[in-house]
Amino acid sequence: MEQEESIKIYTKSFSNQTISSKPHVSHRFKAVWIRKGRGFWNIAGDVCAVKPDDLVLLNNEEERIIEQITSAESLEFFIMEFEPRLLFDSGLLPLFTEPVNGYAHRIIPADSTMLHILGRIREEHHNPDGFSQLILVSCVMQLLAWSARRTSLVPGGGPRVNPLMKQVLAYIDRHYTRRITLEELAGIAHMSSTAFSRYFTRYNGIGPAQYIKRKRIAQAIRLLEETDRTILDIAMDCGFQNISNFYKAFHSLTRQAPGDYRNDRGDS
C-alpha cells in the first residue's frame, strides 16, 4: 500500500467549459492559493467570490463546487493537501474545524508575508530533492501560523491530542482496504466506542466511519482517474466487500456512478 505524502501539492486550472458539477470529496484538509482568475465557489452551500492571492482553507466535511468563472483567464489553483493529523498539538486545528471570525468560509487575502511563504512553497515544489517534504511541511505550517495570526486565533487553543490518536490513524492507513470496526479503533485508543467517536470527530473534522469511507473513495477516485483498472477491481482494492456497497458509497459522496465519474474528470 502506498504511503501518503505529508504534504501533497498540485495545481488545477478551470475554465467555464471545464468546470464540473460534481462535489469534491476528500478526507484531508486543503489550503488553496488562488493564483489566477476570478469566480464564484460554492462552499458548503454558500456562494463565495474568490480572486487572485486569496488563500482558501477547506476542511474535509464541506462540499464545494465551482459555480462560475467571471474572468477572461482561467481560474488557477495551487493546492496544498494534508491530513488533519499534521496539525495535532500545533493549535492550528481550529483554522479548519471552527468558523474564522471576519473571513467567510476561511477565505483569507494573502498579505506580503503569506505571499513570500507561498512563493517559497511553489519554488520547493518545482525543484524537489530529498529534503523537500520536510521543507514543505515547515513552510505550510508557517503559512497556517501566519494565517492564524491574521485571523486572531488564540495561540495554543484547545487541549492536546491523545498520542494514541496517531496510532489509530496509522492503523487506518494500514488496514483501510479491509473491514475496520469502531470497536477495533476504540480499543487502540483505550476508550469506549461512544467516547472515541466523539473524540475522533473533534480532531479529524469527521467521524471515523466517514473518515474511512472518504479515504477509500479518495483512493478509488485516484485509481479511476489514473488507471484503466476495472471498477470491480478498484472497489475490492479500496476495501469494499461488494460492488453494490461501493456504488452506494461512491454515489453518496460524488453524486455520480464510478463510470460516469471516470468519464467526467473535472475536479473542483
C-alpha atoms as a PDB file:
ATOM      1  CA  MET A   1       0.000   0.000   0.000  1.00  0.00           C
ATOM      2  CA  GLU A   2       1.320   3.438  -0.928  1.00  0.00           C
ATOM      3  CA  GLN A   3       2.407   5.795   1.856  1.00  0.00           C
ATOM      4  CA  GLU A   4       0.673   9.161   1.617  1.00  0.00           C
ATOM      5  CA  GLU A   5       2.891  12.222   1.428  1.00  0.00           C
ATOM      6  CA  SER A   6       2.732  14.545   4.439  1.00  0.00           C
ATOM      7  CA  ILE A   7       2.028  17.431   2.060  1.00  0.00           C
ATOM      8  CA  LYS A   8       0.620  16.766  -1.404  1.00  0.00           C
ATOM      9  CA  ILE A   9       0.894  19.735  -3.771  1.00  0.00           C
ATOM     10  CA  TYR A  10      -0.659  20.101  -7.195  1.00  0.00           C
ATOM     11  CA  THR A  11      -2.266  22.676  -9.467  1.00  0.00           C
ATOM     12  CA  LYS A  12      -5.704  22.763 -11.082  1.00  0.00           C
ATOM     13  CA  SER A  13      -6.950  25.067 -13.796  1.00  0.00           C
ATOM     14  CA  PHE A  14     -10.600  25.630 -14.722  1.00  0.00           C
ATOM     15  CA  SER A  15     -12.493  27.496 -17.415  1.00  0.00           C
ATOM     16  CA  ASN A  16     -16.267  27.795 -17.709  1.00  0.00           C
ATOM     17  CA  GLN A  17     -16.067  24.958 -20.246  1.00  0.00           C
ATOM     18  CA  THR A  18     -14.179  22.580 -17.944  1.00  0.00           C
ATOM     19  CA  ILE A  19     -15.752  23.135 -14.511  1.00  0.00           C
ATOM     20  CA  SER A  20     -17.609  20.114 -13.194  1.00  0.00           C
ATOM     21  CA  SER A  21     -20.931  19.835 -11.377  1.00  0.00           C
ATOM     22  CA  LYS A  22     -19.655  17.093  -9.080  1.00  0.00           C
ATOM     23  CA  PRO A  23     -18.769  17.951  -5.465  1.00  0.00           C
ATOM     24  CA  HIS A  24     -15.217  17.417  -4.315  1.00  0.00           C
ATOM     25  CA  VAL A  25     -14.510  14.560  -1.884  1.00  0.00           C
ATOM     26  CA  SER A  26     -11.557  14.145   0.475  1.00  0.00           C
ATOM     27  CA  HIS A  27     -10.614  13.003   3.966  1.00  0.00           C
ATOM     28  CA  ARG A  28      -7.812  15.594   4.004  1.00  0.00           C
ATOM     29  CA  PHE A  29      -7.641  19.340   4.661  1.00  0.00           C
ATOM     30  CA  LYS A  30      -6.645  21.748   1.885  1.00  0.00           C
ATOM     31  CA  ALA A  31      -5.104  25.196   1.655  1.00  0.00           C
ATOM     32  CA  VAL A  32      -5.836  26.586  -1.815  1.00  0.00           C
ATOM     33  CA  TRP A  33      -3.944  29.579  -3.185  1.00  0.00           C
ATOM     34  CA  ILE A  34      -5.887  31.318  -5.955  1.00  0.00           C
ATOM     35  CA  ARG A  35      -3.072  32.039  -8.427  1.00  0.00           C
ATOM     36  CA  LYS A  36      -5.091  33.499 -11.292  1.00  0.00           C
ATOM     37  CA  GLY A  37      -8.641  34.288 -12.303  1.00  0.00           C
ATOM     38  CA  ARG A  38     -11.829  35.249 -10.527  1.00  0.00           C
ATOM     39  CA  GLY A  39     -15.026  33.374  -9.919  1.00  0.00           C
ATOM     40  CA  PHE A  40     -17.664  32.073  -7.565  1.00  0.00           C
ATOM     41  CA  TRP A  41     -17.072  28.950  -5.475  1.00  0.00           C
ATOM     42  CA  ASN A  42     -19.937  27.211  -3.711  1.00  0.00           C
ATOM     43  CA  ILE A  43     -18.569  26.126  -0.341  1.00  0.00           C
ATOM     44  CA  ALA A  44     -20.979  24.233   1.925  1.00  0.00           C
ATOM     45  CA  GLY A  45     -23.956  25.790   0.173  1.00  0.00           C
ATOM     46  CA  ASP A  46     -22.708  29.399   0.268  1.00  0.00           C
ATOM     47  CA  VAL A  47     -21.528  31.032  -2.954  1.00  0.00           C
ATOM     48  CA  CYS A  48     -18.258  32.895  -2.283  1.00  0.00           C
ATOM     49  CA  ALA A  49     -16.271  35.180  -4.576  1.00  0.00           C
ATOM     50  CA  VAL A  50     -12.583  34.287  -4.983  1.00  0.00           C
ATOM     51  CA  LYS A  51      -9.830  36.370  -6.564  1.00  0.00           C
ATOM     52  CA  PRO A  52      -6.055  36.226  -7.120  1.00  0.00           C
ATOM     53  CA  ASP A  53      -3.943  35.771  -3.974  1.00  0.00           C
ATOM     54  CA  ASP A  54      -6.830  34.610  -1.811  1.00  0.00           C
ATOM     55  CA  LEU A  55      -5.929  31.686   0.443  1.00  0.00           C
ATOM     56  CA  VAL A  56      -8.906  29.374   0.971  1.00  0.00           C
ATOM     57  CA  LEU A  57      -8.771  26.916   3.878  1.00  0.00           C
ATOM     58  CA  LEU A  58     -11.019  23.888   3.318  1.00  0.00           C
ATOM     59  CA  ASN A  59     -11.856  21.130   5.767  1.00  0.00           C
ATOM     60  CA  ASN A  60     -12.845  17.563   4.882  1.00  0.00           C
ATOM     61  CA  GLU A  61     -16.563  17.976   5.538  1.00  0.00           C
ATOM     62  CA  GLU A  62     -17.643  20.914   3.356  1.00  0.00           C
ATOM     63  CA  GLU A  63     -18.781  20.154  -0.174  1.00  0.00           C
ATOM     64  CA  ARG A  64     -17.511  22.611  -2.767  1.00  0.00           C
ATOM     65  CA  ILE A  65     -18.303  23.197  -6.425  1.00  0.00           C
ATOM     66  CA  ILE A  66     -17.105  25.982  -8.731  1.00  0.00           C
ATOM     67  CA  GLU A  67     -20.222  27.834  -9.837  1.00  0.00           C
ATOM     68  CA  GLN A  68     -18.844  30.326 -12.362  1.00  0.00           C
ATOM     69  CA  ILE A  69     -15.608  31.873 -13.620  1.00  0.00           C
ATOM     70  CA  THR A  70     -16.003  35.608 -14.178  1.00  0.00           C
ATOM     71  CA  SER A  71     -12.548  36.472 -15.539  1.00  0.00           C
ATOM     72  CA  ALA A  72     -11.311  36.121 -19.121  1.00  0.00           C
ATOM     73  CA  GLU A  73      -8.442  33.951 -17.866  1.00  0.00           C
ATOM     74  CA  SER A  74      -8.879  30.530 -16.337  1.00  0.00           C
ATOM     75  CA  LEU A  75      -9.179  30.054 -12.587  1.00  0.00           C
ATOM     76  CA  GLU A  76      -5.895  28.547 -11.393  1.00  0.00           C
ATOM     77  CA  PHE A  77      -5.488  26.822  -8.021  1.00  0.00           C
ATOM     78  CA  PHE A  78      -2.253  25.942  -6.221  1.00  0.00           C
ATOM     79  CA  ILE A  79      -3.391  23.260  -3.774  1.00  0.00           C
ATOM     80  CA  MET A  80      -1.656  22.093  -0.582  1.00  0.00           C
ATOM     81  CA  GLU A  81      -3.337  18.981   0.813  1.00  0.00           C
ATOM     82  CA  PHE A  82      -2.616  17.224   4.109  1.00  0.00           C
ATOM     83  CA  GLU A  83      -4.072  15.030   6.819  1.00  0.00           C
ATOM     84  CA  PRO A  84      -5.638  16.705   9.884  1.00  0.00           C
ATOM     85  CA  ARG A  85      -3.008  14.908  11.988  1.00  0.00           C
ATOM     86  CA  LEU A  86      -0.353  17.279  10.620  1.00  0.00           C
ATOM     87  CA  LEU A  87      -1.884  19.975  12.839  1.00  0.00           C
ATOM     88  CA  PHE A  88      -2.177  17.909  16.019  1.00  0.00           C
ATOM     89  CA  ASP A  89      -0.741  19.796  19.018  1.00  0.00           C
ATOM     90  CA  SER A  90       0.002  22.861  16.852  1.00  0.00           C
ATOM     91  CA  GLY A  91      -3.003  24.882  17.997  1.00  0.00           C
ATOM     92  CA  LEU A  92      -3.945  25.339  14.315  1.00  0.00           C
ATOM     93  CA  LEU A  93      -6.778  22.800  14.018  1.00  0.00           C
ATOM     94  CA  PRO A  94      -9.462  25.462  14.716  1.00  0.00           C
ATOM     95  CA  LEU A  95      -8.485  27.133  11.426  1.00  0.00           C
ATOM     96  CA  PHE A  96     -10.218  24.213   9.723  1.00  0.00           C
ATOM     97  CA  THR A  97     -12.710  22.922  12.281  1.00  0.00           C
ATOM     98  CA  GLU A  98     -14.276  26.166  13.543  1.00  0.00           C
ATOM     99  CA  PRO A  99     -15.585  29.390  11.929  1.00  0.00           C
ATOM    100  CA  VAL A 100     -12.902  32.029  11.431  1.00  0.00           C
ATOM    101  CA  ASN A 101     -14.035  35.456  12.598  1.00  0.00           C
ATOM    102  CA  GLY A 102     -14.262  38.025   9.817  1.00  0.00           C
ATOM    103  CA  TYR A 103     -13.406  35.627   6.992  1.00  0.00           C
ATOM    104  CA  ALA A 104     -16.302  33.937   5.188  1.00  0.00           C
ATOM    105  CA  HIS A 105     -15.507  30.244   4.727  1.00  0.00           C
ATOM    106  CA  ARG A 106     -11.878  30.893   5.665  1.00  0.00           C
ATOM    107  CA  ILE A 107     -11.085  32.923   2.542  1.00  0.00           C
ATOM    108  CA  ILE A 108      -8.086  34.983   3.644  1.00  0.00           C
ATOM    109  CA  PRO A 109      -6.490  37.587   1.347  1.00  0.00           C
ATOM    110  CA  ALA A 110      -2.762  36.854   1.419  1.00  0.00           C
ATOM    111  CA  ASP A 111      -0.522  39.654   2.662  1.00  0.00           C
ATOM    112  CA  SER A 112       3.116  40.164   1.642  1.00  0.00           C
ATOM    113  CA  THR A 113       4.425  37.704   4.240  1.00  0.00           C
ATOM    114  CA  MET A 114       1.998  34.985   3.180  1.00  0.00           C
ATOM    115  CA  LEU A 115       2.837  35.564  -0.486  1.00  0.00           C
ATOM    116  CA  HIS A 116       6.546  35.217   0.309  1.00  0.00           C
ATOM    117  CA  ILE A 117       5.903  31.877   2.038  1.00  0.00           C
ATOM    118  CA  LEU A 118       3.662  30.719  -0.813  1.00  0.00           C
ATOM    119  CA  GLY A 119       6.375  31.613  -3.296  1.00  0.00           C
ATOM    120  CA  ARG A 120       8.874  29.530  -1.303  1.00  0.00           C
ATOM    121  CA  ILE A 121       6.454  26.577  -1.267  1.00  0.00           C
ATOM    122  CA  ARG A 122       5.925  26.855  -5.025  1.00  0.00           C
ATOM    123  CA  GLU A 123       9.676  27.023  -5.680  1.00  0.00           C
ATOM    124  CA  GLU A 124      10.327  23.961  -3.492  1.00  0.00           C
ATOM    125  CA  HIS A 125       7.534  22.064  -5.218  1.00  0.00           C
ATOM    126  CA  HIS A 126       9.032  22.745  -8.647  1.00  0.00           C
ATOM    127  CA  ASN A 127      12.621  21.897  -7.595  1.00  0.00           C
ATOM    128  CA  PRO A 128      12.278  18.914  -5.238  1.00  0.00           C
ATOM    129  CA  ASP A 129      15.065  16.956  -3.574  1.00  0.00           C
ATOM    130  CA  GLY A 130      15.397  14.611  -0.623  1.00  0.00           C
ATOM    131  CA  PHE A 131      14.626  17.363   1.868  1.00  0.00           C
ATOM    132  CA  SER A 132      11.605  18.796   0.085  1.00  0.00           C
ATOM    133  CA  GLN A 133       8.877  17.146   2.159  1.00  0.00           C
ATOM    134  CA  LEU A 134      10.484  18.403   5.367  1.00  0.00           C
ATOM    135  CA  ILE A 135      10.824  21.916   3.960  1.00  0.00           C
ATOM    136  CA  LEU A 136       7.272  21.893   2.574  1.00  0.00           C
ATOM    137  CA  VAL A 137       5.824  20.823   5.931  1.00  0.00           C
ATOM    138  CA  SER A 138       7.763  23.613   7.645  1.00  0.00           C
ATOM    139  CA  CYS A 139       6.629  26.226   5.118  1.00  0.00           C
ATOM    140  CA  VAL A 140       2.982  25.157   5.170  1.00  0.00           C
ATOM    141  CA  MET A 141       2.983  25.274   8.964  1.00  0.00           C
ATOM    142  CA  GLN A 142       4.452  28.797   8.791  1.00  0.00           C
ATOM    143  CA  LEU A 143       1.753  29.785   6.306  1.00  0.00           C
ATOM    144  CA  LEU A 144      -1.014  28.469   8.547  1.00  0.00           C
ATOM    145  CA  ALA A 145       0.532  30.032  11.664  1.00  0.00           C
ATOM    146  CA  TRP A 146       0.632  33.406   9.903  1.00  0.00           C
ATOM    147  CA  SER A 147      -2.987  32.870   8.795  1.00  0.00           C
ATOM    148  CA  ALA A 148      -3.898  32.129  12.405  1.00  0.00           C
ATOM    149  CA  ARG A 149      -2.266  35.382  13.486  1.00  0.00           C
ATOM    150  CA  ARG A 150      -4.131  37.279  10.758  1.00  0.00           C
ATOM    151  CA  THR A 151      -7.458  35.830  11.944  1.00  0.00           C
ATOM    152  CA  SER A 152      -6.700  36.449  15.639  1.00  0.00           C
ATOM    153  CA  LEU A 153      -6.817  32.758  16.529  1.00  0.00           C
ATOM    154  CA  VAL A 154      -5.908  32.291  20.194  1.00  0.00           C
ATOM    155  CA  PRO A 155      -2.427  30.664  20.353  1.00  0.00           C
ATOM    156  CA  GLY A 156      -2.350  27.194  21.876  1.00  0.00           C
ATOM    157  CA  GLY A 157      -6.129  26.959  21.998  1.00  0.00           C
ATOM    158  CA  GLY A 158      -7.669  23.579  22.766  1.00  0.00           C
ATOM    159  CA  PRO A 159      -6.336  20.534  24.612  1.00  0.00           C
ATOM    160  CA  ARG A 160      -3.517  18.388  23.360  1.00  0.00           C
ATOM    161  CA  VAL A 161      -4.434  15.414  21.206  1.00  0.00           C
ATOM    162  CA  ASN A 162      -4.231  11.979  22.778  1.00  0.00           C
ATOM    163  CA  PRO A 163      -0.985  10.418  21.398  1.00  0.00           C
ATOM    164  CA  LEU A 164      -2.928   7.211  20.774  1.00  0.00           C
ATOM    165  CA  MET A 165      -4.927   9.032  18.085  1.00  0.00           C
ATOM    166  CA  LYS A 166      -1.859   8.947  15.859  1.00  0.00           C
ATOM    167  CA  GLN A 167      -1.721   5.181  16.369  1.00  0.00           C
ATOM    168  CA  VAL A 168      -5.394   4.954  15.385  1.00  0.00           C
ATOM    169  CA  LEU A 169      -4.773   6.878  12.163  1.00  0.00           C
ATOM    170  CA  ALA A 170      -1.697   4.800  11.346  1.00  0.00           C
ATOM    171  CA  TYR A 171      -3.821   1.683  11.872  1.00  0.00           C
ATOM    172  CA  ILE A 172      -6.430   3.031   9.435  1.00  0.00           C
ATOM    173  CA  ASP A 173      -3.669   3.793   6.911  1.00  0.00           C
ATOM    174  CA  ARG A 174      -2.507   0.181   7.073  1.00  0.00           C
ATOM    175  CA  HIS A 175      -5.897  -1.524   7.099  1.00  0.00           C
ATOM    176  CA  TYR A 176      -8.483   0.650   5.331  1.00  0.00           C
ATOM    177  CA  THR A 177      -8.612  -1.851   2.459  1.00  0.00           C
ATOM    178  CA  ARG A 178     -10.364  -4.327   4.758  1.00  0.00           C
ATOM    179  CA  ARG A 179     -13.285  -4.068   7.174  1.00  0.00           C
ATOM    180  CA  ILE A 180     -12.462  -1.976  10.270  1.00  0.00           C
ATOM    181  CA  THR A 181     -14.841  -1.791  13.217  1.00  0.00           C
ATOM    182  CA  LEU A 182     -15.388   1.106  15.580  1.00  0.00           C
ATOM    183  CA  GLU A 183     -14.585  -1.252  18.455  1.00  0.00           C
ATOM    184  CA  GLU A 184     -11.147  -2.000  16.970  1.00  0.00           C
ATOM    185  CA  LEU A 185     -10.271   1.671  16.779  1.00  0.00           C
ATOM    186  CA  ALA A 186     -11.695   2.487  20.197  1.00  0.00           C
ATOM    187  CA  GLY A 187      -9.630  -0.344  21.665  1.00  0.00           C
ATOM    188  CA  ILE A 188      -6.414   1.176  20.302  1.00  0.00           C
ATOM    189  CA  ALA A 189      -7.305   4.485  21.965  1.00  0.00           C
ATOM    190  CA  HIS A 190      -8.390   2.751  25.207  1.00  0.00           C
ATOM    191  CA  MET A 191     -11.809   4.424  25.054  1.00  0.00           C
ATOM    192  CA  SER A 192     -15.409   3.359  24.842  1.00  0.00           C
ATOM    193  CA  SER A 193     -16.829   3.385  21.328  1.00  0.00           C
ATOM    194  CA  THR A 194     -19.047   6.376  22.085  1.00  0.00           C
ATOM    195  CA  ALA A 195     -16.290   8.471  23.658  1.00  0.00           C
ATOM    196  CA  PHE A 196     -13.851   7.544  20.908  1.00  0.00           C
ATOM    197  CA  SER A 197     -16.278   8.528  18.145  1.00  0.00           C
ATOM    198  CA  ARG A 198     -16.760  11.990  19.690  1.00  0.00           C
ATOM    199  CA  TYR A 199     -13.022  12.422  20.238  1.00  0.00           C
ATOM    200  CA  PHE A 200     -12.118  11.329  16.709  1.00  0.00           C
ATOM    201  CA  THR A 201     -14.610  13.754  15.175  1.00  0.00           C
ATOM    202  CA  ARG A 202     -13.299  16.639  17.259  1.00  0.00           C
ATOM    203  CA  TYR A 203      -9.749  16.296  15.959  1.00  0.00           C
ATOM    204  CA  ASN A 204     -10.289  14.967  12.434  1.00  0.00           C
ATOM    205  CA  GLY A 205     -13.271  17.008  11.326  1.00  0.00           C
ATOM    206  CA  ILE A 206     -15.461  13.974  10.553  1.00  0.00           C
ATOM    207  CA  GLY A 207     -16.352  10.755  12.352  1.00  0.00           C
ATOM    208  CA  PRO A 208     -14.341   7.530  11.983  1.00  0.00           C
ATOM    209  CA  ALA A 209     -16.788   5.834   9.608  1.00  0.00           C
ATOM    210  CA  GLN A 210     -16.931   8.907   7.349  1.00  0.00           C
ATOM    211  CA  TYR A 211     -13.153   9.295   7.517  1.00  0.00           C
ATOM    212  CA  ILE A 212     -12.589   5.701   6.376  1.00  0.00           C
ATOM    213  CA  LYS A 213     -15.258   5.949   3.671  1.00  0.00           C
ATOM    214  CA  ARG A 214     -13.800   9.183   2.313  1.00  0.00           C
ATOM    215  CA  LYS A 215     -10.291   7.733   2.407  1.00  0.00           C
ATOM    216  CA  ARG A 216     -11.471   4.705   0.429  1.00  0.00           C
ATOM    217  CA  ILE A 217     -13.403   6.789  -2.088  1.00  0.00           C
ATOM    218  CA  ALA A 218     -10.494   9.238  -2.486  1.00  0.00           C
ATOM    219  CA  GLN A 219      -8.252   6.274  -3.337  1.00  0.00           C
ATOM    220  CA  ALA A 220     -10.901   4.930  -5.711  1.00  0.00           C
ATOM    221  CA  ILE A 221     -11.096   8.322  -7.439  1.00  0.00           C
ATOM    222  CA  ARG A 222      -7.325   8.371  -7.860  1.00  0.00           C
ATOM    223  CA  LEU A 223      -7.411   4.907  -9.462  1.00  0.00           C
ATOM    224  CA  LEU A 224     -10.342   5.849 -11.702  1.00  0.00           C
ATOM    225  CA  GLU A 225      -8.502   8.938 -12.911  1.00  0.00           C
ATOM    226  CA  GLU A 226      -5.006   7.498 -13.225  1.00  0.00           C
ATOM    227  CA  THR A 227      -5.536   3.866 -14.309  1.00  0.00           C
ATOM    228  CA  ASP A 228      -7.683   1.764 -16.623  1.00  0.00           C
ATOM    229  CA  ARG A 229      -8.419  -0.865 -13.979  1.00  0.00           C
ATOM    230  CA  THR A 230     -11.954  -2.218 -13.850  1.00  0.00           C
ATOM    231  CA  ILE A 231     -14.435  -0.716 -11.414  1.00  0.00           C
ATOM    232  CA  LEU A 232     -14.824  -4.072  -9.670  1.00  0.00           C
ATOM    233  CA  ASP A 233     -11.061  -4.378  -9.211  1.00  0.00           C
ATOM    234  CA  ILE A 234     -10.870  -0.838  -7.802  1.00  0.00           C
ATOM    235  CA  ALA A 235     -13.779  -1.480  -5.428  1.00  0.00           C
ATOM    236  CA  MET A 236     -12.142  -4.603  -3.997  1.00  0.00           C
ATOM    237  CA  ASP A 237      -8.744  -2.906  -3.732  1.00  0.00           C
ATOM    238  CA  CYS A 238     -10.249   0.017  -1.782  1.00  0.00           C
ATOM    239  CA  GLY A 239     -11.844  -2.084   0.931  1.00  0.00           C
ATOM    240  CA  PHE A 240     -15.393  -2.648  -0.324  1.00  0.00           C
ATOM    241  CA  GLN A 241     -16.724  -6.150   0.129  1.00  0.00           C
ATOM    242  CA  ASN A 242     -19.086  -5.980  -2.848  1.00  0.00           C
ATOM    243  CA  ILE A 243     -19.751  -3.763  -5.841  1.00  0.00           C
ATOM    244  CA  SER A 244     -23.164  -2.673  -4.544  1.00  0.00           C
ATOM    245  CA  ASN A 245     -21.678  -1.149  -1.376  1.00  0.00           C
ATOM    246  CA  PHE A 246     -19.016   0.579  -3.470  1.00  0.00           C
ATOM    247  CA  TYR A 247     -21.575   2.139  -5.830  1.00  0.00           C
ATOM    248  CA  LYS A 248     -23.691   3.290  -2.886  1.00  0.00           C
ATOM    249  CA  ALA A 249     -20.744   4.862  -1.028  1.00  0.00           C
ATOM    250  CA  PHE A 250     -19.337   6.422  -4.199  1.00  0.00           C
ATOM    251  CA  HIS A 251     -22.660   7.974  -5.198  1.00  0.00           C
ATOM    252  CA  SER A 252     -23.319   9.274  -1.666  1.00  0.00           C
ATOM    253  CA  LEU A 253     -20.138  11.371  -1.832  1.00  0.00           C
ATOM    254  CA  THR A 254     -19.846  12.284  -5.524  1.00  0.00           C
ATOM    255  CA  ARG A 255     -23.481  12.086  -6.735  1.00  0.00           C
ATOM    256  CA  GLN A 256     -22.214  10.048  -9.655  1.00  0.00           C
ATOM    257  CA  ALA A 257     -21.628   6.419 -10.509  1.00  0.00           C
ATOM    258  CA  PRO A 258     -17.933   5.444 -10.770  1.00  0.00           C
ATOM    259  CA  GLY A 259     -18.126   5.005 -14.543  1.00  0.00           C
ATOM    260  CA  ASP A 260     -19.688   8.429 -15.037  1.00  0.00           C
ATOM    261  CA  TYR A 261     -17.043   9.964 -12.775  1.00  0.00           C
ATOM    262  CA  ARG A 262     -14.283   8.393 -14.853  1.00  0.00           C
ATOM    263  CA  ASN A 263     -15.782   9.986 -17.971  1.00  0.00           C
ATOM    264  CA  ASP A 264     -16.015  13.419 -16.304  1.00  0.00           C
ATOM    265  CA  ARG A 265     -12.591  14.122 -14.827  1.00  0.00           C
ATOM    266  CA  GLY A 266     -13.033  17.743 -13.794  1.00  0.00           C
ATOM    267  CA  ASP A 267     -12.386  18.362 -10.065  1.00  0.00           C
ATOM    268  CA  SER A 268     -13.406  21.360  -8.029  1.00  0.00           C
END
